[in-house]
Amino acid sequence: LLYKPIDRVTRSTLVLHDLLKHTPADHPDYPLLQDALRISQNFLSSINEDIDPRRTAVTTPKGEVRQAGR
C-alpha cells in the first residue's frame, strides 16, 4: 500500500511523456505539459535519492544476497 501513491505518479509521468510526444510544439498546452513532466520527474528522482541510501545488502542463510529496505 505504501508504494501505491508513488506508482500513481510513475504512471502519470509516463502518460505525460506520451502526451507530450503527440502534442504539437505550438499547442498552448505544450509548455504546461513540459512543466508537469519536469515536476513529476523531479519528484520521482527525489524519492529515488531518499530510498537508495537506505538499501543495504543482506545475506540470507542460503548465501543469497538481497536488498534490504524495500
N, C-alpha and C. Protein backbone atom coordinates (compact mmCIF):
# COMPACT_ATOMS: atom_id res chain seq x y z
N LEU A 1 0.80 -1.21 0.00
CA LEU A 1 0.00 0.00 0.00
C LEU A 1 0.85 1.27 0.00
N LEU A 2 2.04 1.17 0.57
CA LEU A 2 2.88 2.36 0.65
C LEU A 2 3.39 2.81 -0.71
N TYR A 3 3.49 1.90 -1.65
CA TYR A 3 4.01 2.26 -2.97
C TYR A 3 2.93 2.73 -3.94
N LYS A 4 1.65 2.59 -3.57
CA LYS A 4 0.57 2.98 -4.48
C LYS A 4 0.64 4.45 -4.90
N PRO A 5 0.84 5.40 -3.97
CA PRO A 5 0.91 6.80 -4.42
C PRO A 5 2.09 7.05 -5.36
N ILE A 6 3.22 6.44 -5.08
CA ILE A 6 4.39 6.61 -5.95
C ILE A 6 4.14 5.96 -7.30
N ASP A 7 3.48 4.81 -7.29
CA ASP A 7 3.15 4.12 -8.53
C ASP A 7 2.22 4.98 -9.39
N ARG A 8 1.30 5.68 -8.74
CA ARG A 8 0.38 6.55 -9.47
C ARG A 8 1.15 7.69 -10.14
N VAL A 9 2.11 8.27 -9.42
CA VAL A 9 2.91 9.36 -10.00
C VAL A 9 3.75 8.82 -11.16
N THR A 10 4.28 7.61 -11.00
CA THR A 10 5.08 6.99 -12.06
C THR A 10 4.24 6.81 -13.32
N ARG A 11 3.03 6.28 -13.15
CA ARG A 11 2.16 6.08 -14.31
C ARG A 11 1.76 7.41 -14.94
N SER A 12 1.48 8.40 -14.10
CA SER A 12 1.11 9.73 -14.62
C SER A 12 2.27 10.34 -15.40
N THR A 13 3.49 10.12 -14.93
CA THR A 13 4.66 10.64 -15.62
C THR A 13 4.79 10.00 -17.00
N LEU A 14 4.54 8.71 -17.08
CA LEU A 14 4.59 8.03 -18.38
C LEU A 14 3.51 8.55 -19.32
N VAL A 15 2.32 8.80 -18.78
CA VAL A 15 1.23 9.34 -19.60
C VAL A 15 1.59 10.74 -20.09
N LEU A 16 2.14 11.57 -19.20
CA LEU A 16 2.55 12.92 -19.60
C LEU A 16 3.61 12.86 -20.70
N HIS A 17 4.54 11.94 -20.57
CA HIS A 17 5.60 11.80 -21.57
C HIS A 17 4.99 11.44 -22.93
N ASP A 18 4.08 10.48 -22.96
CA ASP A 18 3.43 10.10 -24.22
C ASP A 18 2.58 11.23 -24.78
N LEU A 19 1.86 11.91 -23.90
CA LEU A 19 1.02 13.01 -24.34
C LEU A 19 1.86 14.13 -24.95
N LEU A 20 3.00 14.39 -24.34
CA LEU A 20 3.89 15.43 -24.85
C LEU A 20 4.44 15.06 -26.23
N LYS A 21 4.71 13.76 -26.45
CA LYS A 21 5.21 13.33 -27.76
C LYS A 21 4.18 13.58 -28.86
N HIS A 22 2.90 13.49 -28.51
CA HIS A 22 1.85 13.62 -29.52
C HIS A 22 1.21 15.00 -29.55
N THR A 23 1.74 15.93 -28.78
CA THR A 23 1.22 17.30 -28.77
C THR A 23 2.13 18.18 -29.61
N PRO A 24 1.55 18.92 -30.55
CA PRO A 24 2.38 19.83 -31.36
C PRO A 24 3.05 20.89 -30.48
N ALA A 25 4.26 21.27 -30.83
CA ALA A 25 5.03 22.24 -30.05
C ALA A 25 4.35 23.60 -29.99
N ASP A 26 3.51 23.92 -30.97
CA ASP A 26 2.84 25.22 -30.97
C ASP A 26 1.50 25.21 -30.25
N HIS A 27 1.13 24.06 -29.69
CA HIS A 27 -0.13 23.97 -28.94
C HIS A 27 0.00 24.75 -27.64
N PRO A 28 -1.07 25.46 -27.21
CA PRO A 28 -0.97 26.27 -25.99
C PRO A 28 -0.68 25.46 -24.73
N ASP A 29 -1.02 24.18 -24.72
CA ASP A 29 -0.78 23.35 -23.53
C ASP A 29 0.62 22.74 -23.49
N TYR A 30 1.36 22.85 -24.56
CA TYR A 30 2.67 22.21 -24.64
C TYR A 30 3.61 22.64 -23.51
N PRO A 31 3.76 23.94 -23.24
CA PRO A 31 4.67 24.34 -22.14
C PRO A 31 4.18 23.84 -20.78
N LEU A 32 2.86 23.79 -20.59
CA LEU A 32 2.31 23.30 -19.33
C LEU A 32 2.59 21.81 -19.15
N LEU A 33 2.49 21.06 -20.25
CA LEU A 33 2.80 19.63 -20.19
C LEU A 33 4.28 19.41 -19.89
N GLN A 34 5.14 20.24 -20.47
CA GLN A 34 6.56 20.14 -20.18
C GLN A 34 6.84 20.40 -18.70
N ASP A 35 6.20 21.42 -18.15
CA ASP A 35 6.38 21.74 -16.73
C ASP A 35 5.88 20.60 -15.84
N ALA A 36 4.71 20.06 -16.17
CA ALA A 36 4.15 18.96 -15.38
C ALA A 36 5.06 17.74 -15.43
N LEU A 37 5.60 17.44 -16.61
CA LEU A 37 6.52 16.30 -16.75
C LEU A 37 7.80 16.54 -15.95
N ARG A 38 8.34 17.73 -16.02
CA ARG A 38 9.56 18.06 -15.28
C ARG A 38 9.33 17.93 -13.77
N ILE A 39 8.20 18.42 -13.28
CA ILE A 39 7.88 18.34 -11.86
C ILE A 39 7.74 16.89 -11.43
N SER A 40 7.05 16.09 -12.22
CA SER A 40 6.87 14.66 -11.90
C SER A 40 8.20 13.93 -11.87
N GLN A 41 9.05 14.19 -12.86
CA GLN A 41 10.35 13.53 -12.92
C GLN A 41 11.23 13.95 -11.74
N ASN A 42 11.20 15.24 -11.39
CA ASN A 42 11.98 15.70 -10.24
C ASN A 42 11.50 15.06 -8.94
N PHE A 43 10.19 14.92 -8.81
CA PHE A 43 9.63 14.28 -7.62
C PHE A 43 10.10 12.83 -7.52
N LEU A 44 10.00 12.10 -8.63
CA LEU A 44 10.42 10.70 -8.62
C LEU A 44 11.92 10.57 -8.37
N SER A 45 12.71 11.48 -8.91
CA SER A 45 14.15 11.46 -8.67
C SER A 45 14.47 11.69 -7.20
N SER A 46 13.75 12.61 -6.58
CA SER A 46 14.00 12.88 -5.15
C SER A 46 13.59 11.68 -4.29
N ILE A 47 12.54 10.99 -4.67
CA ILE A 47 12.13 9.78 -3.94
C ILE A 47 13.22 8.72 -4.08
N ASN A 48 13.74 8.52 -5.29
CA ASN A 48 14.79 7.52 -5.51
C ASN A 48 16.05 7.85 -4.73
N GLU A 49 16.40 9.13 -4.65
CA GLU A 49 17.60 9.53 -3.90
C GLU A 49 17.42 9.26 -2.41
N ASP A 50 16.20 9.43 -1.91
CA ASP A 50 15.93 9.19 -0.49
C ASP A 50 15.93 7.70 -0.16
N ILE A 51 15.50 6.86 -1.10
CA ILE A 51 15.39 5.43 -0.84
C ILE A 51 16.72 4.72 -0.98
N ASP A 52 17.54 5.04 -1.96
CA ASP A 52 18.78 4.32 -2.25
C ASP A 52 19.74 4.21 -1.06
N PRO A 53 19.99 5.26 -0.27
CA PRO A 53 20.91 5.10 0.85
C PRO A 53 20.41 4.13 1.91
N ARG A 54 19.11 3.92 1.98
CA ARG A 54 18.55 3.02 2.99
C ARG A 54 18.71 1.55 2.63
N ARG A 55 18.98 1.27 1.37
CA ARG A 55 19.13 -0.12 0.94
C ARG A 55 20.52 -0.62 1.33
N THR A 56 20.54 -1.77 1.93
CA THR A 56 21.81 -2.41 2.29
C THR A 56 21.74 -3.86 1.87
N ALA A 57 22.87 -4.41 1.58
CA ALA A 57 22.90 -5.81 1.17
C ALA A 57 22.75 -6.70 2.40
N VAL A 58 21.94 -7.71 2.28
CA VAL A 58 21.70 -8.67 3.36
C VAL A 58 21.98 -10.06 2.81
N THR A 59 22.72 -10.85 3.56
CA THR A 59 22.99 -12.22 3.16
C THR A 59 22.00 -13.13 3.88
N THR A 60 21.30 -13.95 3.11
CA THR A 60 20.33 -14.88 3.68
C THR A 60 21.05 -16.14 4.13
N PRO A 61 20.38 -16.98 4.93
CA PRO A 61 21.02 -18.23 5.36
C PRO A 61 21.50 -19.11 4.20
N LYS A 62 20.87 -19.01 3.05
CA LYS A 62 21.26 -19.82 1.89
C LYS A 62 22.44 -19.20 1.15
N GLY A 63 22.92 -18.05 1.61
CA GLY A 63 24.06 -17.41 0.97
C GLY A 63 23.67 -16.45 -0.14
N GLU A 64 22.36 -16.23 -0.34
CA GLU A 64 21.91 -15.31 -1.37
C GLU A 64 22.04 -13.88 -0.84
N VAL A 65 22.32 -12.95 -1.72
CA VAL A 65 22.41 -11.55 -1.34
C VAL A 65 21.14 -10.87 -1.80
N ARG A 66 20.50 -10.16 -0.89
CA ARG A 66 19.26 -9.44 -1.20
C ARG A 66 19.39 -8.00 -0.78
N GLN A 67 18.52 -7.19 -1.34
CA GLN A 67 18.49 -5.78 -0.97
C GLN A 67 17.49 -5.60 0.18
N ALA A 68 17.92 -5.01 1.26
CA ALA A 68 17.02 -4.71 2.37
C ALA A 68 16.48 -3.30 2.19
N GLY A 69 15.43 -2.98 2.89
CA GLY A 69 14.89 -1.64 2.85
C GLY A 69 13.71 -1.49 1.93
N ARG A 70 13.23 -2.53 1.35
CA ARG A 70 12.06 -2.45 0.48
C ARG A 70 10.83 -2.85 1.23
